[in-house]
């Protein structure tokens, strides 16, 4: 049998407050075989009436995806080669040139990137095309935060957020 160790989950119960609460660390992408999660996550979910996440979760009115995709691209007339080291630009050209992704528009979500990969910011290129080696079966839909939000909503718990969509996207938008 598997033995649970103290380091198997990132869940802390805060007790020196008027009402005890939990602080839960999450992973944004997991594999199906990572479930069920360690018991601490389910205990925190069971004991809670309100779940507060980094950003709004499971909100059908959220414009986060649209704002995220827009933030991933430089504005018209600005291109990645102005923002990265020349050697980095050569790697990008070599990686995407033979895939006809330079100078050819494509869709990122509902946002059209008119001038190709060269219009994307470095973090967007890394996030969209370069996953974590060895984790091709990890998906954001299986992340701890998505799982807890889904279960909380199913139970009728209140879902809150520390940041607005704009605040969350601004962090990414400002990354070089």
Protein backbone atom coordinates (compact mmCIF):
# COMPACT_ATOMS: atom_id res chain seq x y z
CA UNK A 1 0.00 0.00 0.00
CA UNK A 2 1.07 3.56 -0.69
CA UNK A 3 2.00 5.60 2.38
CA UNK A 4 0.95 9.26 2.52
CA UNK A 5 3.75 11.67 3.38
CA UNK A 6 3.45 15.24 4.63
CA UNK A 7 4.72 16.55 1.28
CA UNK A 8 2.07 14.84 -0.86
CA UNK A 9 -0.11 17.92 -1.22
CA UNK A 10 0.03 21.66 -0.84
CA UNK A 11 -2.83 22.26 1.58
CA UNK A 12 -2.50 24.27 4.78
CA UNK A 13 -5.27 24.83 7.33
CA UNK A 14 -5.11 28.33 8.81
CA UNK A 15 -6.52 28.30 12.34
CA UNK A 16 -5.51 31.65 13.87
CA UNK A 17 -8.39 33.47 12.14
CA UNK A 18 -11.99 34.00 13.31
CA UNK A 19 -13.06 31.28 10.89
CA UNK A 20 -10.58 28.55 9.92
CA UNK A 21 -9.68 28.50 6.26
CA UNK A 22 -7.40 26.63 3.89
CA UNK A 23 -4.63 27.80 1.65
CA UNK A 24 -4.30 25.41 -1.28
CA UNK A 25 -1.46 25.34 -3.76
CA UNK A 26 -2.42 24.06 -7.18
CA UNK A 27 -0.89 22.71 -10.35
CA UNK A 28 -2.55 24.13 -13.45
CA UNK A 29 -2.12 20.96 -15.52
CA UNK A 30 -2.13 17.30 -14.51
CA UNK A 31 -2.55 13.87 -16.02
CA UNK A 32 -5.63 11.70 -15.60
CA UNK A 33 -3.54 9.20 -13.67
CA UNK A 34 -2.77 11.90 -11.06
CA UNK A 35 -6.32 11.44 -9.74
CA UNK A 36 -7.64 11.00 -7.17
CA UNK A 37 -5.80 13.89 -5.56
CA UNK A 38 -4.33 13.48 -2.08
CA UNK A 39 -6.96 13.54 0.68
CA UNK A 40 -6.01 17.03 1.90
CA UNK A 41 -7.51 18.64 -1.19
CA UNK A 42 -10.84 16.87 -0.72
CA UNK A 43 -10.89 17.73 3.00
CA UNK A 44 -10.38 21.42 2.21
CA UNK A 45 -13.15 21.26 -0.38
CA UNK A 46 -15.52 19.49 2.03
CA UNK A 47 -14.89 22.01 4.83
CA UNK A 48 -15.25 25.11 2.65
CA UNK A 49 -18.27 27.16 1.64
CA UNK A 50 -16.37 29.66 -0.51
CA UNK A 51 -13.48 28.98 -2.88
CA UNK A 52 -11.26 31.86 -3.97
CA UNK A 53 -8.96 31.32 -6.94
CA UNK A 54 -6.22 33.33 -8.59
CA UNK A 55 -8.70 34.28 -11.33
CA UNK A 56 -12.38 33.70 -12.12
CA UNK A 57 -13.12 30.05 -12.75
CA UNK A 58 -15.95 28.47 -14.74
CA UNK A 59 -17.45 31.87 -15.59
CA UNK A 60 -19.31 31.64 -18.91
CA UNK A 61 -19.27 35.45 -19.20
CA UNK A 62 -15.50 35.66 -18.83
CA UNK A 63 -13.58 37.29 -21.66
CA UNK A 64 -10.28 35.91 -20.32
CA UNK A 65 -9.52 33.64 -23.29
CA UNK A 66 -10.12 36.46 -25.76
CA UNK A 67 -7.99 38.90 -23.74
CA UNK A 68 -5.30 36.25 -23.26
CA UNK A 69 -5.05 35.59 -27.00
CA UNK A 70 -4.96 39.32 -27.78
CA UNK A 71 -2.18 39.82 -25.19
CA UNK A 72 -0.18 36.98 -26.79
CA UNK A 73 0.45 39.06 -29.93
CA UNK A 74 2.34 42.29 -30.42
CA UNK A 75 0.23 45.10 -31.88
CA UNK A 76 0.24 45.56 -35.65
CA UNK A 77 3.60 46.86 -36.79
CA UNK A 78 5.55 45.35 -33.90
CA UNK A 79 7.34 42.02 -34.16
CA UNK A 80 9.27 39.61 -31.96
CA UNK A 81 12.61 40.22 -33.67
CA UNK A 82 12.61 43.72 -32.07
CA UNK A 83 12.35 42.17 -28.60
CA UNK A 84 14.63 39.12 -28.57
CA UNK A 85 18.32 38.46 -29.06
CA UNK A 86 19.26 37.89 -32.73
CA UNK A 87 20.22 34.26 -31.97
CA UNK A 88 16.77 33.68 -30.46
CA UNK A 89 15.19 35.09 -33.61
CA UNK A 90 17.30 32.72 -35.74
CA UNK A 91 16.03 29.75 -33.68
CA UNK A 92 12.43 30.92 -34.12
CA UNK A 93 12.94 31.32 -37.88
CA UNK A 94 14.47 27.86 -38.16
CA UNK A 95 11.76 26.24 -36.02
CA UNK A 96 8.76 27.80 -37.72
CA UNK A 97 10.00 28.75 -41.18
CA UNK A 98 9.79 25.23 -42.54
CA UNK A 99 6.24 24.96 -41.18
CA UNK A 100 5.07 27.99 -43.19
CA UNK A 101 4.17 29.80 -39.99
CA UNK A 102 6.26 32.89 -40.70
CA UNK A 103 4.44 35.67 -42.50
CA UNK A 104 1.21 33.67 -42.66
CA UNK A 105 -1.73 34.52 -40.44
CA UNK A 106 -3.47 32.03 -38.18
CA UNK A 107 -5.97 31.96 -35.36
CA UNK A 108 -5.07 31.81 -31.68
CA UNK A 109 -8.43 31.16 -30.08
CA UNK A 110 -10.74 33.82 -31.52
CA UNK A 111 -7.89 36.26 -32.20
CA UNK A 112 -6.38 36.36 -35.67
CA UNK A 113 -2.58 36.81 -35.71
CA UNK A 114 -2.22 38.50 -39.06
CA UNK A 115 1.54 38.34 -39.58
CA UNK A 116 2.38 34.87 -38.28
CA UNK A 117 4.54 33.62 -35.46
CA UNK A 118 6.76 36.68 -35.66
CA UNK A 119 3.87 38.75 -34.26
CA UNK A 120 3.65 36.58 -31.10
CA UNK A 121 5.37 37.42 -27.83
CA UNK A 122 8.07 34.98 -26.63
CA UNK A 123 5.95 33.64 -23.74
CA UNK A 124 3.13 32.88 -26.16
CA UNK A 125 5.40 30.94 -28.50
CA UNK A 126 6.76 28.96 -25.57
CA UNK A 127 3.31 28.31 -24.14
CA UNK A 128 1.57 27.40 -27.39
CA UNK A 129 4.24 25.20 -28.98
CA UNK A 130 6.73 24.05 -26.40
CA UNK A 131 5.19 21.94 -23.66
CA UNK A 132 7.02 20.41 -20.77
CA UNK A 133 9.07 17.51 -22.17
CA UNK A 134 7.68 14.21 -20.97
CA UNK A 135 4.29 15.64 -20.07
CA UNK A 136 2.37 15.48 -23.31
CA UNK A 137 -0.50 13.90 -21.37
CA UNK A 138 -0.88 16.80 -18.90
CA UNK A 139 -3.87 19.05 -19.55
CA UNK A 140 -5.14 22.25 -17.96
CA UNK A 141 -8.65 20.79 -17.77
CA UNK A 142 -7.20 18.29 -15.31
CA UNK A 143 -5.47 20.93 -13.19
CA UNK A 144 -6.15 21.09 -9.45
CA UNK A 145 -7.77 24.52 -9.69
CA UNK A 146 -10.14 23.44 -12.48
CA UNK A 147 -11.03 20.29 -10.56
CA UNK A 148 -11.71 22.12 -7.30
CA UNK A 149 -13.72 24.83 -9.08
CA UNK A 150 -15.83 22.22 -10.85
CA UNK A 151 -16.51 20.30 -7.63
CA UNK A 152 -17.20 23.49 -5.70
CA UNK A 153 -19.67 24.73 -8.29
CA UNK A 154 -21.33 21.31 -8.37
CA UNK A 155 -21.79 21.55 -4.58
CA UNK A 156 -23.20 25.09 -4.86
CA UNK A 157 -20.23 26.77 -3.20
CA UNK A 158 -19.41 30.40 -3.90
CA UNK A 159 -16.47 30.90 -6.29
CA UNK A 160 -14.37 34.07 -5.99
CA UNK A 161 -11.15 35.48 -7.44
CA UNK A 162 -8.12 37.41 -6.26
CA UNK A 163 -7.62 39.08 -9.66
CA UNK A 164 -9.85 40.32 -12.45
CA UNK A 165 -9.36 38.95 -15.95
CA UNK A 166 -7.63 42.21 -16.90
CA UNK A 167 -5.23 42.04 -13.96
CA UNK A 168 -4.33 38.44 -14.74
CA UNK A 169 -3.77 39.10 -18.44
CA UNK A 170 -1.72 42.22 -17.69
CA UNK A 171 0.88 40.10 -15.90
CA UNK A 172 1.34 38.03 -19.06
CA UNK A 173 1.10 41.00 -21.39
CA UNK A 174 3.99 42.68 -19.60
CA UNK A 175 6.31 39.68 -19.87
CA UNK A 176 9.19 39.89 -22.32
